[in-house]
Amino acid sequence: MAKVQELEHPDVIICLIIFRNYFLLRIYFNLKATKVYTEQLLELHRGQGMEIYWRDNFQCPTETDYKLMTIRKTGGLFMLAIRLMKLFSNNKNDFTKLTAILGLYFQITDVLMIFFFN
């Protein structure tokens, strides 16, 4: 019974999805897509690591550090989608600023929702 519960834990499910997607990218797409996927997931985990470090060490980040964390963590998910789409598109515009703004917006909204509704 414990084994089934461990497999149903949200973190385990997320890891399984990440590795399944990585596997599918390698089989069905190309090495550039796999590279983009890997780079953006590393950025996401760097941002998540920053947040966990601050939480576990009771540290309040500077505004600059917090913005960097949101760009890496939440903005990284937007950047992942955009970079993958750009691989198969003629549109080569730079969406870095847009993803940073979206990441900051969604991260702050998420924190406020937790603060007010928990």
N, C-alpha and C. Protein backbone atom coordinates (compact mmCIF):
# COMPACT_ATOMS: atom_id res chain seq x y z
N MET A 1 0.81 -1.19 0.00
CA MET A 1 0.00 0.00 0.00
C MET A 1 0.86 1.26 0.00
N ALA A 2 1.95 1.26 0.77
CA ALA A 2 2.82 2.43 0.83
C ALA A 2 3.45 2.72 -0.53
N LYS A 3 3.77 1.67 -1.27
CA LYS A 3 4.37 1.85 -2.59
C LYS A 3 3.44 2.62 -3.53
N VAL A 4 2.17 2.29 -3.51
CA VAL A 4 1.19 2.98 -4.36
C VAL A 4 1.07 4.44 -3.94
N GLN A 5 1.03 4.69 -2.64
CA GLN A 5 0.94 6.06 -2.14
C GLN A 5 2.16 6.86 -2.54
N GLU A 6 3.34 6.25 -2.50
CA GLU A 6 4.55 6.95 -2.91
C GLU A 6 4.49 7.34 -4.38
N LEU A 7 3.95 6.47 -5.22
CA LEU A 7 3.85 6.77 -6.64
C LEU A 7 2.80 7.83 -6.94
N GLU A 8 1.85 8.01 -6.04
CA GLU A 8 0.81 9.01 -6.25
C GLU A 8 1.19 10.38 -5.70
N HIS A 9 2.32 10.50 -5.03
CA HIS A 9 2.76 11.79 -4.49
C HIS A 9 2.98 12.75 -5.65
N PRO A 10 2.51 14.02 -5.53
CA PRO A 10 2.62 14.98 -6.65
C PRO A 10 4.04 15.16 -7.18
N ASP A 11 5.05 15.16 -6.31
CA ASP A 11 6.43 15.32 -6.77
C ASP A 11 6.87 14.15 -7.65
N VAL A 12 6.44 12.95 -7.28
CA VAL A 12 6.79 11.77 -8.07
C VAL A 12 6.10 11.83 -9.43
N ILE A 13 4.85 12.22 -9.43
CA ILE A 13 4.11 12.32 -10.68
C ILE A 13 4.75 13.35 -11.61
N ILE A 14 5.16 14.49 -11.06
CA ILE A 14 5.81 15.52 -11.86
C ILE A 14 7.11 15.00 -12.46
N CYS A 15 7.91 14.30 -11.66
CA CYS A 15 9.17 13.74 -12.16
C CYS A 15 8.92 12.73 -13.28
N LEU A 16 7.91 11.90 -13.12
CA LEU A 16 7.58 10.93 -14.16
C LEU A 16 7.16 11.64 -15.45
N ILE A 17 6.39 12.69 -15.35
CA ILE A 17 5.97 13.46 -16.52
C ILE A 17 7.18 14.09 -17.20
N ILE A 18 8.09 14.67 -16.42
CA ILE A 18 9.30 15.29 -16.97
C ILE A 18 10.11 14.28 -17.76
N PHE A 19 10.35 13.11 -17.18
CA PHE A 19 11.16 12.11 -17.87
C PHE A 19 10.44 11.52 -19.08
N ARG A 20 9.11 11.36 -18.99
CA ARG A 20 8.36 10.87 -20.14
C ARG A 20 8.46 11.87 -21.30
N ASN A 21 8.31 13.15 -20.99
CA ASN A 21 8.39 14.17 -22.04
C ASN A 21 9.79 14.22 -22.64
N TYR A 22 10.81 14.09 -21.80
CA TYR A 22 12.18 14.08 -22.29
C TYR A 22 12.38 12.90 -23.26
N PHE A 23 11.88 11.75 -22.87
CA PHE A 23 11.98 10.56 -23.70
C PHE A 23 11.27 10.76 -25.04
N LEU A 24 10.05 11.32 -25.00
CA LEU A 24 9.30 11.55 -26.23
C LEU A 24 9.98 12.56 -27.14
N LEU A 25 10.57 13.60 -26.56
CA LEU A 25 11.30 14.58 -27.38
C LEU A 25 12.46 13.93 -28.12
N ARG A 26 13.17 13.07 -27.43
CA ARG A 26 14.33 12.41 -28.05
C ARG A 26 13.90 11.49 -29.19
N ILE A 27 12.77 10.84 -29.04
CA ILE A 27 12.32 9.88 -30.06
C ILE A 27 11.68 10.58 -31.25
N TYR A 28 10.73 11.48 -30.98
CA TYR A 28 9.88 12.00 -32.03
C TYR A 28 10.32 13.34 -32.61
N PHE A 29 11.14 14.08 -31.90
CA PHE A 29 11.52 15.38 -32.42
C PHE A 29 13.00 15.38 -32.75
N ASN A 30 13.71 16.39 -32.30
CA ASN A 30 15.11 16.45 -32.67
C ASN A 30 15.96 16.81 -31.45
N LEU A 31 17.26 16.81 -31.65
CA LEU A 31 18.17 17.08 -30.54
C LEU A 31 18.07 18.53 -30.05
N LYS A 32 17.71 19.44 -30.94
CA LYS A 32 17.55 20.84 -30.52
C LYS A 32 16.41 20.96 -29.52
N ALA A 33 15.30 20.26 -29.76
CA ALA A 33 14.16 20.30 -28.84
C ALA A 33 14.56 19.70 -27.49
N THR A 34 15.32 18.63 -27.51
CA THR A 34 15.78 18.00 -26.27
C THR A 34 16.70 18.95 -25.51
N LYS A 35 17.56 19.65 -26.23
CA LYS A 35 18.47 20.61 -25.60
C LYS A 35 17.70 21.75 -24.94
N VAL A 36 16.72 22.31 -25.65
CA VAL A 36 15.90 23.40 -25.11
C VAL A 36 15.16 22.92 -23.86
N TYR A 37 14.56 21.74 -23.95
CA TYR A 37 13.81 21.17 -22.83
C TYR A 37 14.71 21.02 -21.60
N THR A 38 15.89 20.47 -21.80
CA THR A 38 16.83 20.25 -20.70
C THR A 38 17.30 21.58 -20.10
N GLU A 39 17.65 22.54 -20.94
CA GLU A 39 18.12 23.84 -20.45
C GLU A 39 17.05 24.53 -19.61
N GLN A 40 15.82 24.53 -20.10
CA GLN A 40 14.75 25.23 -19.39
C GLN A 40 14.37 24.52 -18.09
N LEU A 41 14.41 23.20 -18.09
CA LEU A 41 14.12 22.49 -16.84
C LEU A 41 15.22 22.72 -15.80
N LEU A 42 16.45 22.83 -16.25
CA LEU A 42 17.53 23.16 -15.32
C LEU A 42 17.32 24.55 -14.72
N GLU A 43 16.90 25.50 -15.55
CA GLU A 43 16.62 26.84 -15.04
C GLU A 43 15.47 26.81 -14.04
N LEU A 44 14.42 26.07 -14.36
CA LEU A 44 13.29 25.94 -13.45
C LEU A 44 13.74 25.40 -12.10
N HIS A 45 14.57 24.37 -12.11
CA HIS A 45 15.05 23.79 -10.86
C HIS A 45 16.02 24.71 -10.12
N ARG A 46 16.77 25.51 -10.83
CA ARG A 46 17.62 26.51 -10.15
C ARG A 46 16.75 27.52 -9.41
N GLY A 47 15.69 27.97 -10.06
CA GLY A 47 14.77 28.90 -9.41
C GLY A 47 14.08 28.27 -8.21
N GLN A 48 13.64 27.04 -8.37
CA GLN A 48 12.99 26.33 -7.27
C GLN A 48 13.97 26.13 -6.12
N GLY A 49 15.21 25.85 -6.45
CA GLY A 49 16.25 25.68 -5.42
C GLY A 49 16.49 26.96 -4.64
N MET A 50 16.47 28.08 -5.34
CA MET A 50 16.64 29.37 -4.65
C MET A 50 15.53 29.57 -3.63
N GLU A 51 14.30 29.31 -4.07
CA GLU A 51 13.15 29.50 -3.18
C GLU A 51 13.21 28.56 -1.97
N ILE A 52 13.57 27.32 -2.19
CA ILE A 52 13.68 26.35 -1.10
C ILE A 52 14.79 26.75 -0.13
N TYR A 53 15.91 27.22 -0.68
CA TYR A 53 17.03 27.64 0.18
C TYR A 53 16.59 28.78 1.11
N TRP A 54 15.91 29.77 0.55
CA TRP A 54 15.46 30.91 1.36
C TRP A 54 14.48 30.45 2.44
N ARG A 55 13.56 29.58 2.04
CA ARG A 55 12.56 29.09 3.00
C ARG A 55 13.22 28.31 4.13
N ASP A 56 14.09 27.38 3.78
CA ASP A 56 14.71 26.51 4.79
C ASP A 56 15.72 27.22 5.67
N ASN A 57 16.27 28.33 5.19
CA ASN A 57 17.27 29.08 5.97
C ASN A 57 16.70 30.38 6.54
N PHE A 58 15.39 30.52 6.46
CA PHE A 58 14.70 31.70 7.01
C PHE A 58 15.33 33.00 6.52
N GLN A 59 15.57 33.05 5.21
CA GLN A 59 16.16 34.25 4.61
C GLN A 59 15.14 34.94 3.72
N CYS A 60 15.15 36.25 3.77
CA CYS A 60 14.31 37.05 2.90
C CYS A 60 15.18 37.51 1.72
N PRO A 61 14.81 37.14 0.50
CA PRO A 61 15.65 37.52 -0.65
C PRO A 61 15.52 39.02 -0.95
N THR A 62 16.52 39.53 -1.64
CA THR A 62 16.42 40.90 -2.14
C THR A 62 15.42 40.91 -3.28
N GLU A 63 14.96 42.08 -3.64
CA GLU A 63 14.01 42.19 -4.76
C GLU A 63 14.65 41.66 -6.04
N THR A 64 15.92 41.96 -6.25
CA THR A 64 16.63 41.50 -7.45
C THR A 64 16.71 39.98 -7.47
N ASP A 65 17.06 39.37 -6.32
CA ASP A 65 17.13 37.91 -6.25
C ASP A 65 15.76 37.27 -6.47
N TYR A 66 14.72 37.89 -5.92
CA TYR A 66 13.37 37.35 -6.08
C TYR A 66 12.95 37.40 -7.55
N LYS A 67 13.27 38.49 -8.23
CA LYS A 67 12.94 38.59 -9.66
C LYS A 67 13.69 37.52 -10.46
N LEU A 68 14.97 37.30 -10.13
CA LEU A 68 15.75 36.27 -10.81
C LEU A 68 15.12 34.90 -10.60
N MET A 69 14.69 34.63 -9.36
CA MET A 69 14.05 33.36 -9.05
C MET A 69 12.78 33.17 -9.88
N THR A 70 11.96 34.21 -10.00
CA THR A 70 10.72 34.08 -10.77
C THR A 70 10.99 33.89 -12.26
N ILE A 71 12.02 34.55 -12.76
CA ILE A 71 12.39 34.38 -14.17
C ILE A 71 12.81 32.94 -14.42
N ARG A 72 13.59 32.39 -13.50
CA ARG A 72 14.06 31.01 -13.66
C ARG A 72 12.95 29.99 -13.44
N LYS A 73 12.17 30.20 -12.41
CA LYS A 73 11.18 29.20 -12.01
C LYS A 73 9.91 29.29 -12.85
N THR A 74 9.14 30.31 -12.67
CA THR A 74 7.85 30.42 -13.34
C THR A 74 8.01 30.90 -14.78
N GLY A 75 8.84 31.90 -14.99
CA GLY A 75 9.09 32.39 -16.34
C GLY A 75 9.73 31.34 -17.22
N GLY A 76 10.48 30.43 -16.60
CA GLY A 76 11.13 29.35 -17.35
C GLY A 76 10.15 28.43 -18.04
N LEU A 77 8.98 28.24 -17.43
CA LEU A 77 7.96 27.40 -18.06
C LEU A 77 7.41 28.06 -19.31
N PHE A 78 7.21 29.38 -19.25
CA PHE A 78 6.76 30.11 -20.44
C PHE A 78 7.85 30.07 -21.51
N MET A 79 9.08 30.26 -21.08
CA MET A 79 10.20 30.26 -22.02
C MET A 79 10.37 28.89 -22.68
N LEU A 80 10.12 27.83 -21.92
CA LEU A 80 10.19 26.49 -22.49
C LEU A 80 9.21 26.36 -23.65
N ALA A 81 7.97 26.75 -23.43
CA ALA A 81 6.97 26.65 -24.48
C ALA A 81 7.34 27.51 -25.69
N ILE A 82 7.78 28.72 -25.44
CA ILE A 82 8.11 29.63 -26.53
C ILE A 82 9.32 29.13 -27.32
N ARG A 83 10.34 28.69 -26.61
CA ARG A 83 11.54 28.20 -27.31
C ARG A 83 11.25 26.96 -28.14
N LEU A 84 10.39 26.07 -27.63
CA LEU A 84 10.03 24.88 -28.42
C LEU A 84 9.23 25.27 -29.65
N MET A 85 8.31 26.22 -29.50
CA MET A 85 7.54 26.67 -30.67
C MET A 85 8.44 27.35 -31.69
N LYS A 86 9.42 28.13 -31.22
CA LYS A 86 10.32 28.85 -32.14
C LYS A 86 11.16 27.89 -32.97
N LEU A 87 11.43 26.70 -32.45
CA LEU A 87 12.21 25.72 -33.22
C LEU A 87 11.51 25.35 -34.52
N PHE A 88 10.19 25.39 -34.51
CA PHE A 88 9.41 24.96 -35.67
C PHE A 88 8.68 26.13 -36.32
N SER A 89 9.22 27.34 -36.13
CA SER A 89 8.58 28.54 -36.65
C SER A 89 9.61 29.43 -37.33
N ASN A 90 9.12 30.32 -38.16
CA ASN A 90 9.99 31.32 -38.78
C ASN A 90 10.11 32.55 -37.91
N ASN A 91 9.30 32.65 -36.87
CA ASN A 91 9.32 33.79 -35.95
C ASN A 91 10.53 33.67 -35.03
N LYS A 92 11.44 34.62 -35.12
CA LYS A 92 12.66 34.58 -34.31
C LYS A 92 12.72 35.75 -33.34
N ASN A 93 11.57 36.34 -33.00
CA ASN A 93 11.53 37.44 -32.04
C ASN A 93 12.01 36.99 -30.67
N ASP A 94 12.52 37.94 -29.90
CA ASP A 94 12.99 37.66 -28.55
C ASP A 94 11.85 37.90 -27.56
N PHE A 95 11.43 36.85 -26.88
CA PHE A 95 10.33 36.94 -25.93
C PHE A 95 10.82 36.88 -24.47
N THR A 96 12.09 37.12 -24.24
CA THR A 96 12.67 37.02 -22.91
C THR A 96 12.00 37.97 -21.92
N LYS A 97 11.80 39.22 -22.31
CA LYS A 97 11.18 40.19 -21.41
C LYS A 97 9.74 39.80 -21.09
N LEU A 98 9.01 39.34 -22.10
CA LEU A 98 7.63 38.93 -21.88
C LEU A 98 7.55 37.77 -20.89
N THR A 99 8.41 36.77 -21.06
CA THR A 99 8.36 35.62 -20.15
C THR A 99 8.77 36.02 -18.73
N ALA A 100 9.68 36.98 -18.60
CA ALA A 100 10.08 37.46 -17.26
C ALA A 100 8.90 38.14 -16.58
N ILE A 101 8.17 38.96 -17.32
CA ILE A 101 7.00 39.66 -16.76
C ILE A 101 5.91 38.65 -16.39
N LEU A 102 5.63 37.70 -17.28
CA LEU A 102 4.63 36.69 -16.99
C LEU A 102 5.01 35.85 -15.77
N GLY A 103 6.29 35.48 -15.70
CA GLY A 103 6.77 34.71 -14.55
C GLY A 103 6.59 35.45 -13.25
N LEU A 104 6.96 36.71 -13.24
CA LEU A 104 6.81 37.54 -12.04
C LEU A 104 5.35 37.67 -11.66
N TYR A 105 4.50 37.93 -12.63
CA TYR A 105 3.07 38.08 -12.38
C TYR A 105 2.48 36.81 -11.76
N PHE A 106 2.74 35.66 -12.39
CA PHE A 106 2.14 34.42 -11.90
C PHE A 106 2.72 33.99 -10.55
N GLN A 107 4.00 34.23 -10.32
CA GLN A 107 4.60 33.87 -9.03
C GLN A 107 4.00 34.71 -7.91
N ILE A 108 3.89 36.02 -8.12
CA ILE A 108 3.32 36.90 -7.09
C ILE A 108 1.84 36.57 -6.87
N THR A 109 1.11 36.32 -7.95
CA THR A 109 -0.30 35.94 -7.82
C THR A 109 -0.44 34.66 -7.01
N ASP A 110 0.41 33.68 -7.27
CA ASP A 110 0.38 32.41 -6.56
C ASP A 110 0.65 32.62 -5.06
N VAL A 111 1.65 33.41 -4.74
CA VAL A 111 1.98 33.68 -3.34
C VAL A 111 0.82 34.40 -2.65
N LEU A 112 0.22 35.36 -3.32
CA LEU A 112 -0.91 36.08 -2.72
C LEU A 112 -2.11 35.17 -2.50
N MET A 113 -2.37 34.28 -3.45
CA MET A 113 -3.47 33.32 -3.29
C MET A 113 -3.23 32.42 -2.07
N ILE A 114 -2.03 31.95 -1.91
CA ILE A 114 -1.69 31.11 -0.75
C ILE A 114 -1.85 31.92 0.53
N PHE A 115 -1.36 33.13 0.52
CA PHE A 115 -1.40 34.00 1.72
C PHE A 115 -2.83 34.30 2.14
N PHE A 116 -3.68 34.65 1.20
CA PHE A 116 -5.03 35.08 1.54
C PHE A 116 -6.04 33.95 1.68
N PHE A 117 -5.81 32.81 1.01
CA PHE A 117 -6.84 31.78 1.01
C PHE A 117 -6.44 30.50 1.73
N ASN A 118 -5.32 30.46 2.38
CA ASN A 118 -4.95 29.28 3.18
C ASN A 118 -5.33 29.45 4.61
